[in-house]
Every structure is written in C-alpha cells, then in structure tokens.
C-alpha cells in the first residue's frame, strides 16, 4: 500500500512538544491512523486505540496517576479515536496538567463528537488540525504533475480517499463500503441523528443540488421532513467533514442573492456514490457542477492546511450572473474571483461585480490549468 506525504504532517510536527495536546480531526479512512502511527515510529511513541475495551476503561474516570501508569513512560502518546472515551476532555486535561512534558496526539472522526467533549476542558491547552481526502498537491508530491493530470478525471469521478486512489477495478465496491460502513456509522453514532433513511435522503438531495443554491425548505418537502430537521442534519454533516457550506457575497445590492447558500462535498467519490453515477464527464449532464465541486473542495482543503483566515463566498444575481468562488482579502479591500469551466473558454467578469467590488481579477479554472 502506497504511503502518501500528507500536508498536515509538517504542520503537526512543528507543534510537537510545545506543552499542549494536539487534536487531529478528519473522517474515517482519510489516513489519520497511518499518519499518527508513522509519527509514533519516528518519535518512539506509544499508540493506543480507544475503541479497545481495555484502553477505554483505563482512560475513563481515572486519576492522572492511574492513566499514566497504563500509558507508560513514552514521551509521545497517540490516542486514536479518542471520542470513544467517556469524558475524554477531562481525562486529557488531567494528563496535560500533570505531565506537561508528555506529548499527546488525540484523533477523532468527527468534530461534533470529540470537539464537544474537549473544547471546554482543554481551553488554551490544545492545537487543532484537520485531515481530508488526498489533495491535488499531495497527489502530485507522491507521483508527478504529469501523472496527476493523466488521472485527473479518475479523481473527479472516484474521489481521492487513499484506498480509492490506489485501487483498481474494485474501487466502486470500496467507495460503497466507505460511504455505507464508515460515513453513516460515524454520523448515526451521534445522538441527534435518529433516522438513517432520512439521513440518506438528505445526503442524496444535497448531492443532486451540488453547484446550485440550496433551500432547506425545498429539501424538507422532497424528503418529507421539516426545515429545522434538515438544517440540523446539514450541520452534523458539516461537522463530520462530509460537506461544507459556501455563503453568498453581498453588498446589499438589490440584484444580488442574499440568503441561499451552496453546499459542496469534500470528496467527489462520496458525491457520486450517493447519486450512483460513475460515468465519465463527457456523458454527464452534471459534468460542470462535478468539476466545480472538485475544484472548490480542493481550494477549501488547501485553505485549511495553510490556515488561511480570510472569507470565501460565491456570487450570484437574480438574473443569473454568477461567480463560482470569491476570496476576500483585507476586510473587503480586495477580491479574487474564480470561475470553473471544463473547457478553456474565455469568460468575462460581470460588470455589476466589477463595479460593486472594485476588482477585475478573474481566473478561469479548467482541466488544463487546475
């Protein structure tokens, strides 16, 4: 199995042994365990899987001395799937307060689960990082730009989970397994999600609307639920690193769309599995939206890894003028616009956008230059 150089590794290592716990979030199967085991080997650390009953028991409602006796004398401790430990935030606080020279890395498959348990106890005591399916830059680093370009459409269709990238004819079967066994498993373990069939309907409805503005009320009618339930499920899906929201850019111009936002998937393979379509782009009516999802997900992954803090949006007017992705800089003094097109067709910046936001910076993103 190929081992990929992960972007988050460099940032994580820079924060080792700074007297704080490191929290590594990310969905299952993106490579968190592979990464933390690699770090454990390089720094002579100890690895513990918190789903194991003995590990779980040893870290639940115990004193710091009892926990340290179980964990041993290594200076680096890995606690994988730490959210499985009851009151794990309190346990981690006791450990870092009493053994500040020990570096603990705790991983979690969803921010709604682990974050809820550690945020208050670990205030000021932790660094947080998130790991996603493989990015374009990680794929290039593991092969070459030429090879990544050759396989670009494969990534657009099947996504970039490490196991999928290295798979052959059985990649559809593996994608189904990741979607059904891991994605649903983590989300359904959260107490707020009580109806698996409703979750599946909402996910499919969102997948079918990628690239378009999303109305919770319309989705609610489609799936037979109320608007608040749809909103709650979307919130959980975002905290499970499956989707993300993009809000509209508006300066209160009457012609601009102000309320509806867009929803994208972090991985195209998951998206295509939900709608059960693995056809290549030339035979798909949604090819443009699929490419748009791929590019914007790549932008969001990159932004997270380099810890970019400026705001991002999409822009659209009531008469249909739009820009797929807009980055705001210096509190609105500068805007950079990106439009996704499968072809290298020339695109002009809409006059209203240019006049309203005082910018003429537009970059057209195609398969050629992505």
Protein backbone atom coordinates (compact mmCIF):
# COMPACT_ATOMS: atom_id res chain seq x y z
CA UNK A 1 0.00 0.00 0.00
CA UNK A 2 1.38 3.39 -1.01
CA UNK A 3 2.19 5.84 1.79
CA UNK A 4 1.44 9.44 0.87
CA UNK A 5 3.21 12.51 2.20
CA UNK A 6 0.42 14.41 3.93
CA UNK A 7 0.42 18.20 4.10
CA UNK A 8 -0.91 18.27 7.65
CA UNK A 9 2.07 16.22 8.88
CA UNK A 10 4.51 19.12 8.54
CA UNK A 11 2.23 21.50 10.45
CA UNK A 12 1.53 18.91 13.14
CA UNK A 13 5.20 18.09 13.73
CA UNK A 14 6.02 21.78 14.15
CA UNK A 15 3.67 21.82 17.15
CA UNK A 16 5.04 18.75 18.92
CA UNK A 17 6.34 19.11 22.48
CA UNK A 18 5.00 22.64 22.97
CA UNK A 19 3.20 21.73 26.20
CA UNK A 20 -0.20 21.28 24.53
CA UNK A 21 -2.34 18.38 23.33
CA UNK A 22 -2.71 18.00 19.57
CA UNK A 23 -6.17 17.12 18.23
CA UNK A 24 -6.31 15.65 14.72
CA UNK A 25 -9.79 15.58 13.18
CA UNK A 26 -10.92 14.02 9.93
CA UNK A 27 -13.36 11.43 8.56
CA UNK A 28 -12.52 7.75 8.74
CA UNK A 29 -10.32 6.28 6.01
CA UNK A 30 -8.51 9.53 5.11
CA UNK A 31 -5.26 8.28 6.65
CA UNK A 32 -5.23 9.64 10.21
CA UNK A 33 -4.17 6.33 11.76
CA UNK A 34 -1.47 5.79 9.14
CA UNK A 35 -0.10 9.26 9.85
CA UNK A 36 -0.10 9.08 13.66
CA UNK A 37 1.46 5.60 13.61
CA UNK A 38 4.21 6.96 11.36
CA UNK A 39 4.85 9.80 13.81
CA UNK A 40 4.82 7.33 16.70
CA UNK A 41 7.52 5.27 14.98
CA UNK A 42 9.68 8.30 14.22
CA UNK A 43 9.45 9.73 17.75
CA UNK A 44 9.46 6.43 19.67
CA UNK A 45 5.87 6.93 20.78
CA UNK A 46 3.14 4.62 22.04
CA UNK A 47 -0.09 4.03 20.12
CA UNK A 48 -3.47 3.27 21.76
CA UNK A 49 -6.79 2.67 20.01
CA UNK A 50 -9.55 3.97 22.26
CA UNK A 51 -12.12 1.62 20.74
CA UNK A 52 -10.30 -1.24 22.51
CA UNK A 53 -12.17 -2.05 25.78
CA UNK A 54 -9.05 -2.14 27.99
CA UNK A 55 -7.80 1.21 26.67
CA UNK A 56 -11.22 2.75 27.07
CA UNK A 57 -11.57 1.52 30.64
CA UNK A 58 -8.06 2.70 31.58
CA UNK A 59 -8.85 6.26 30.47
CA UNK A 60 -12.37 6.56 31.89
CA UNK A 61 -12.89 8.21 35.30
CA UNK A 62 -9.32 7.54 36.40
CA UNK A 63 -6.76 9.70 38.18
CA UNK A 64 -3.85 11.12 36.21
CA UNK A 65 -1.50 8.74 38.04
CA UNK A 66 -3.59 5.70 37.10
CA UNK A 67 -3.80 6.77 33.46
CA UNK A 68 -0.06 7.50 33.25
CA UNK A 69 0.75 4.09 34.73
CA UNK A 70 -1.31 2.45 31.97
CA UNK A 71 0.07 4.62 29.15
CA UNK A 72 3.70 4.04 30.17
CA UNK A 73 6.80 6.20 30.07
CA UNK A 74 6.94 7.21 26.42
CA UNK A 75 7.18 10.95 25.75
CA UNK A 76 4.73 10.69 22.84
CA UNK A 77 1.29 9.12 23.30
CA UNK A 78 -1.21 8.53 20.48
CA UNK A 79 -4.88 8.16 21.43
CA UNK A 80 -6.70 7.13 18.24
CA UNK A 81 -10.50 7.63 18.09
CA UNK A 82 -10.34 9.44 21.43
CA UNK A 83 -14.04 10.39 21.30
CA UNK A 84 -14.84 6.80 22.33
CA UNK A 85 -13.65 7.57 25.88
CA UNK A 86 -16.37 8.90 28.18
CA UNK A 87 -15.48 12.40 29.43
CA UNK A 88 -12.27 12.26 27.42
CA UNK A 89 -11.82 16.02 27.73
CA UNK A 90 -11.44 15.74 31.50
CA UNK A 91 -9.01 12.82 31.16
CA UNK A 92 -6.86 14.75 28.67
CA UNK A 93 -6.89 17.84 30.90
CA UNK A 94 -5.64 15.81 33.87
CA UNK A 95 -2.85 14.31 31.78
CA UNK A 96 -1.59 17.58 30.27
CA UNK A 97 -1.81 19.44 33.59
CA UNK A 98 0.14 16.79 35.49
CA UNK A 99 2.51 15.60 32.75
CA UNK A 100 3.19 18.64 30.55
CA UNK A 101 6.38 17.11 29.11
CA UNK A 102 4.38 14.26 27.54
CA UNK A 103 3.06 14.98 24.04
CA UNK A 104 -0.43 13.58 23.45
CA UNK A 105 -1.97 13.36 19.97
CA UNK A 106 -5.69 12.54 20.04
CA UNK A 107 -7.63 11.77 16.86
CA UNK A 108 -11.35 11.95 16.17
CA UNK A 109 -13.53 11.15 13.17
CA UNK A 110 -15.97 13.99 13.72
CA UNK A 111 -15.77 17.40 15.30
CA UNK A 112 -19.31 17.18 16.70
CA UNK A 113 -18.26 14.24 18.89
CA UNK A 114 -14.70 14.86 20.03
CA UNK A 115 -14.89 18.68 19.98
CA UNK A 116 -17.96 18.66 22.21
CA UNK A 117 -16.01 16.64 24.76
CA UNK A 118 -12.70 18.53 24.72
CA UNK A 119 -13.42 22.18 23.93
CA UNK A 120 -14.22 23.37 27.44
CA UNK A 121 -11.78 21.20 29.45
CA UNK A 122 -8.91 21.88 27.03
CA UNK A 123 -9.39 25.62 26.53
CA UNK A 124 -5.92 27.04 25.86
CA UNK A 125 -4.35 23.58 26.15
CA UNK A 126 -4.59 22.22 22.61
CA UNK A 127 -3.80 22.69 18.93
CA UNK A 128 -6.33 21.51 16.34
CA UNK A 129 -5.70 20.15 12.84
CA UNK A 130 -7.97 18.55 10.25
CA UNK A 131 -7.11 15.89 7.67
CA UNK A 132 -9.09 15.39 4.46
CA UNK A 133 -9.05 13.00 1.49
CA UNK A 134 -5.89 13.42 -0.59
CA UNK A 135 -5.44 16.84 -2.17
CA UNK A 136 -4.07 17.61 -5.63
CA UNK A 137 -0.80 18.82 -4.11
CA UNK A 138 -0.43 15.58 -2.13
CA UNK A 139 -1.11 13.50 -5.24
CA UNK A 140 1.48 15.49 -7.19
CA UNK A 141 4.01 15.06 -4.37
CA UNK A 142 3.53 11.29 -4.43
CA UNK A 143 3.87 10.96 -8.22
CA UNK A 144 4.22 13.94 -10.59
CA UNK A 145 2.22 16.74 -12.16
CA UNK A 146 2.07 14.79 -15.42
CA UNK A 147 0.73 11.64 -13.76
CA UNK A 148 -1.80 13.60 -11.71
CA UNK A 149 -3.07 15.34 -14.87
CA UNK A 150 -3.41 12.00 -16.61
CA UNK A 151 -5.53 10.65 -13.74
CA UNK A 152 -7.44 13.89 -13.07
CA UNK A 153 -10.77 12.60 -14.36
CA UNK A 154 -10.43 9.48 -12.22
CA UNK A 155 -10.14 11.71 -9.15
CA UNK A 156 -13.10 13.82 -10.29
CA UNK A 157 -15.24 10.67 -10.60
CA UNK A 158 -13.94 8.38 -7.85
CA UNK A 159 -12.57 10.92 -5.38
CA UNK A 160 -9.30 10.82 -3.50
CA UNK A 161 -9.59 8.68 -0.40
CA UNK A 162 -6.16 6.97 -0.18
CA UNK A 163 -7.63 3.48 -0.51
CA UNK A 164 -9.59 4.51 -3.61
CA UNK A 165 -6.67 6.23 -5.34
CA UNK A 166 -4.63 3.03 -5.10
CA UNK A 167 -7.50 0.72 -6.09
CA UNK A 168 -8.26 -0.80 -9.47
CA UNK A 169 -11.46 -2.41 -10.67
CA UNK A 170 -12.86 -2.76 -7.15
CA UNK A 171 -12.86 0.99 -6.40
CA UNK A 172 -16.64 1.29 -6.73
CA UNK A 173 -17.09 -1.50 -4.21
CA UNK A 174 -14.62 0.23 -1.85
CA UNK A 175 -16.40 3.56 -2.27
CA UNK A 176 -19.71 1.94 -1.37
CA UNK A 177 -18.06 0.50 1.73
CA UNK A 178 -16.58 3.82 2.80
CA UNK A 179 -19.92 5.56 2.28
CA UNK A 180 -22.11 2.97 3.97
CA UNK A 181 -19.88 1.44 6.64
CA UNK A 182 -17.86 4.44 7.78
CA UNK A 183 -19.65 7.63 6.76
CA UNK A 184 -23.07 6.54 8.01
CA UNK A 185 -21.60 4.76 11.03
CA UNK A 186 -19.99 7.90 12.41
CA UNK A 187 -22.93 10.16 11.73
CA UNK A 188 -25.51 7.76 13.12
CA UNK A 189 -23.48 7.37 16.32
CA UNK A 190 -24.30 10.98 17.09
CA UNK A 191 -27.32 11.31 19.32
CA UNK A 192 -29.06 13.97 17.24
CA UNK A 193 -29.44 11.71 14.21
CA UNK A 194 -32.24 9.22 14.76
CA UNK A 195 -33.49 8.29 11.27
CA UNK A 196 -30.99 6.58 8.94
CA UNK A 197 -33.38 6.60 5.98
CA UNK A 198 -33.89 10.37 6.37
CA UNK A 199 -30.14 10.95 6.50
CA UNK A 200 -29.72 9.03 3.24
CA UNK A 201 -32.49 11.04 1.56
CA UNK A 202 -31.00 14.36 2.67
CA UNK A 203 -27.50 13.37 1.53
CA UNK A 204 -28.78 12.34 -1.89
CA UNK A 205 -30.81 15.54 -2.22
CA UNK A 206 -27.72 17.61 -1.40
CA UNK A 207 -25.60 15.61 -3.86
CA UNK A 208 -28.12 16.26 -6.63
CA UNK A 209 -28.01 20.00 -5.93
CA UNK A 210 -24.22 20.49 -5.93
CA UNK A 211 -23.37 23.79 -7.61
CA UNK A 212 -26.86 25.16 -7.08
CA UNK A 213 -28.30 27.23 -4.27
CA UNK A 214 -29.82 25.11 -1.54
CA UNK A 215 -33.20 25.73 0.03
CA UNK A 216 -33.76 23.76 3.24
CA UNK A 217 -37.50 24.23 2.81
CA UNK A 218 -37.45 22.62 -0.64
CA UNK A 219 -35.28 19.72 0.58
CA UNK A 220 -37.65 19.27 3.53
CA UNK A 221 -40.58 18.89 1.13
CA UNK A 222 -38.61 16.44 -1.01
CA UNK A 223 -37.56 14.16 1.87
CA UNK A 224 -40.70 14.50 4.00
CA UNK A 225 -39.26 16.38 6.98
CA UNK A 226 -39.41 19.86 8.43
CA UNK A 227 -36.95 22.63 7.66
CA UNK A 228 -35.32 22.61 11.11
CA UNK A 229 -34.62 18.88 10.89
CA UNK A 230 -32.90 19.35 7.52
CA UNK A 231 -30.87 22.24 8.97
CA UNK A 232 -29.81 20.09 11.94
CA UNK A 233 -28.74 17.20 9.70
CA UNK A 234 -26.75 19.55 7.44
CA UNK A 235 -24.96 20.93 10.49
CA UNK A 236 -23.96 17.42 11.57
CA UNK A 237 -22.81 16.50 8.05
CA UNK A 238 -20.59 19.58 8.01
CA UNK A 239 -19.08 18.72 11.39
CA UNK A 240 -18.42 15.20 10.11
CA UNK A 241 -16.29 16.70 7.28
CA UNK A 242 -18.55 15.37 4.52
CA UNK A 243 -19.91 18.67 3.23
CA UNK A 244 -19.20 22.37 3.61
CA UNK A 245 -21.26 25.48 3.00
CA UNK A 246 -20.42 28.48 0.84
CA UNK A 247 -22.32 31.68 1.60
CA UNK A 248 -23.25 34.39 -0.91
CA UNK A 249 -21.20 37.56 -1.17
CA UNK A 250 -23.46 40.57 -0.93
CA UNK A 251 -23.09 44.30 -0.51
CA UNK A 252 -26.86 44.75 -0.15
CA UNK A 253 -27.32 45.37 -3.86
CA UNK A 254 -30.94 44.72 -4.81
CA UNK A 255 -29.94 42.43 -7.64
CA UNK A 256 -27.76 40.14 -5.51
CA UNK A 257 -28.87 36.86 -3.96
CA UNK A 258 -28.61 37.30 -0.19
CA UNK A 259 -29.99 34.28 1.63
CA UNK A 260 -29.45 30.95 -0.09
CA UNK A 261 -26.05 29.28 0.18
CA UNK A 262 -24.36 26.46 -1.73
CA UNK A 263 -23.29 23.09 -0.35
CA UNK A 264 -20.33 21.10 -1.65
CA UNK A 265 -18.80 17.71 -0.82
CA UNK A 266 -15.19 17.33 0.30
CA UNK A 267 -14.90 14.22 -1.88
CA UNK A 268 -16.32 13.65 -5.35
CA UNK A 269 -16.29 9.88 -4.89
CA UNK A 270 -18.73 10.14 -1.98
CA UNK A 271 -20.89 12.51 -4.02
CA UNK A 272 -21.05 10.13 -7.00
CA UNK A 273 -21.74 7.16 -4.74
CA UNK A 274 -24.74 8.96 -3.25
CA UNK A 275 -26.25 9.59 -6.69
CA UNK A 276 -24.99 6.24 -8.05
CA UNK A 277 -23.33 7.70 -11.12
CA UNK A 278 -19.74 6.80 -12.02
CA UNK A 279 -19.94 7.81 -15.69
CA UNK A 280 -17.13 9.97 -17.00
CA UNK A 281 -17.60 13.66 -17.72
CA UNK A 282 -18.27 13.51 -21.46
CA UNK A 283 -21.52 11.61 -20.92
CA UNK A 284 -22.84 13.54 -17.92
CA UNK A 285 -25.26 16.44 -17.81
CA UNK A 286 -23.85 17.45 -14.41
CA UNK A 287 -20.20 17.44 -15.58
CA UNK A 288 -19.75 21.18 -14.99
CA UNK A 289 -21.11 21.00 -11.45
CA UNK A 290 -18.96 17.95 -10.72
CA UNK A 291 -15.82 19.80 -11.83
CA UNK A 292 -16.88 22.85 -9.82
CA UNK A 293 -17.31 20.71 -6.68
CA UNK A 294 -13.89 19.15 -7.23
CA UNK A 295 -12.09 22.47 -7.63
CA UNK A 296 -13.80 24.28 -4.75
CA UNK A 297 -13.20 21.30 -2.44
CA UNK A 298 -9.51 21.48 -3.40
CA UNK A 299 -9.47 25.19 -2.59
CA UNK A 300 -11.07 24.56 0.80
CA UNK A 301 -8.63 21.77 1.69
CA UNK A 302 -5.68 23.97 0.75
CA UNK A 303 -7.07 26.88 2.78
CA UNK A 304 -7.44 24.66 5.85
CA UNK A 305 -3.92 23.27 5.52
CA UNK A 306 -2.24 26.66 5.17
CA UNK A 307 -4.62 28.11 7.80
CA UNK A 308 -5.96 30.84 5.53
CA UNK A 309 -8.27 33.03 7.58
CA UNK A 310 -9.88 35.34 5.00
CA UNK A 311 -13.50 34.81 3.98
CA UNK A 312 -14.73 33.00 0.86
CA UNK A 313 -18.06 33.19 -0.97
CA UNK A 314 -19.92 32.62 -4.20
CA UNK A 315 -21.67 35.49 -6.01
CA UNK A 316 -24.91 35.41 -7.93
CA UNK A 317 -27.54 37.88 -9.10
CA UNK A 318 -31.26 37.38 -9.50
CA UNK A 319 -30.89 37.44 -13.29
CA UNK A 320 -28.37 34.58 -13.24
CA UNK A 321 -24.97 36.28 -13.37
CA UNK A 322 -22.60 34.39 -11.11
CA UNK A 323 -19.06 33.65 -9.99
CA UNK A 324 -18.29 30.23 -8.52
CA UNK A 325 -15.73 31.19 -5.88
CA UNK A 326 -14.65 34.54 -4.43
CA UNK A 327 -11.84 35.18 -1.95
CA UNK A 328 -12.00 38.33 0.14
CA UNK A 329 -8.80 39.98 1.37
CA UNK A 330 -8.04 42.80 3.81
CA UNK A 331 -11.60 43.04 5.07
CA UNK A 332 -13.06 43.68 1.64
CA UNK A 333 -10.33 45.84 0.09
CA UNK A 334 -9.53 43.14 -2.47
CA UNK A 335 -11.49 40.32 -4.10
CA UNK A 336 -10.25 37.45 -6.28
CA UNK A 337 -12.79 35.67 -8.43
CA UNK A 338 -12.62 32.11 -9.83
CA UNK A 339 -14.92 30.60 -12.42
CA UNK A 340 -14.88 26.83 -13.13
CA UNK A 341 -15.20 25.73 -16.76
CA UNK A 342 -14.49 22.31 -18.23
CA UNK A 343 -13.24 23.97 -21.42
CA UNK A 344 -10.72 26.79 -21.77
CA UNK A 345 -13.48 29.12 -22.92
CA UNK A 346 -12.94 32.82 -22.26
CA UNK A 347 -15.11 34.31 -19.51
CA UNK A 348 -15.60 37.98 -18.69
CA UNK A 349 -16.07 39.34 -15.20
CA UNK A 350 -19.69 40.57 -14.81
CA UNK A 351 -19.89 44.35 -14.94
CA UNK A 352 -22.01 44.56 -11.78
CA UNK A 353 -19.42 42.58 -9.81
CA UNK A 354 -16.57 44.67 -11.19
CA UNK A 355 -18.31 47.93 -10.28
CA UNK A 356 -19.57 46.79 -6.88
CA UNK A 357 -16.38 45.18 -5.62
CA UNK A 358 -13.83 47.32 -7.45
CA UNK A 359 -11.90 44.41 -8.90
CA UNK A 360 -11.12 42.98 -12.29
CA UNK A 361 -9.28 39.88 -11.05
CA UNK A 362 -10.93 36.81 -12.56
CA UNK A 363 -9.25 33.46 -13.12
CA UNK A 364 -10.96 30.78 -15.19
CA UNK A 365 -10.18 27.28 -13.86
CA UNK A 366 -10.30 24.39 -16.35
CA UNK A 367 -8.96 20.84 -16.51
CA UNK A 368 -5.93 22.30 -18.29
CA UNK A 369 -4.77 24.66 -15.54
CA UNK A 370 -6.31 23.32 -12.33
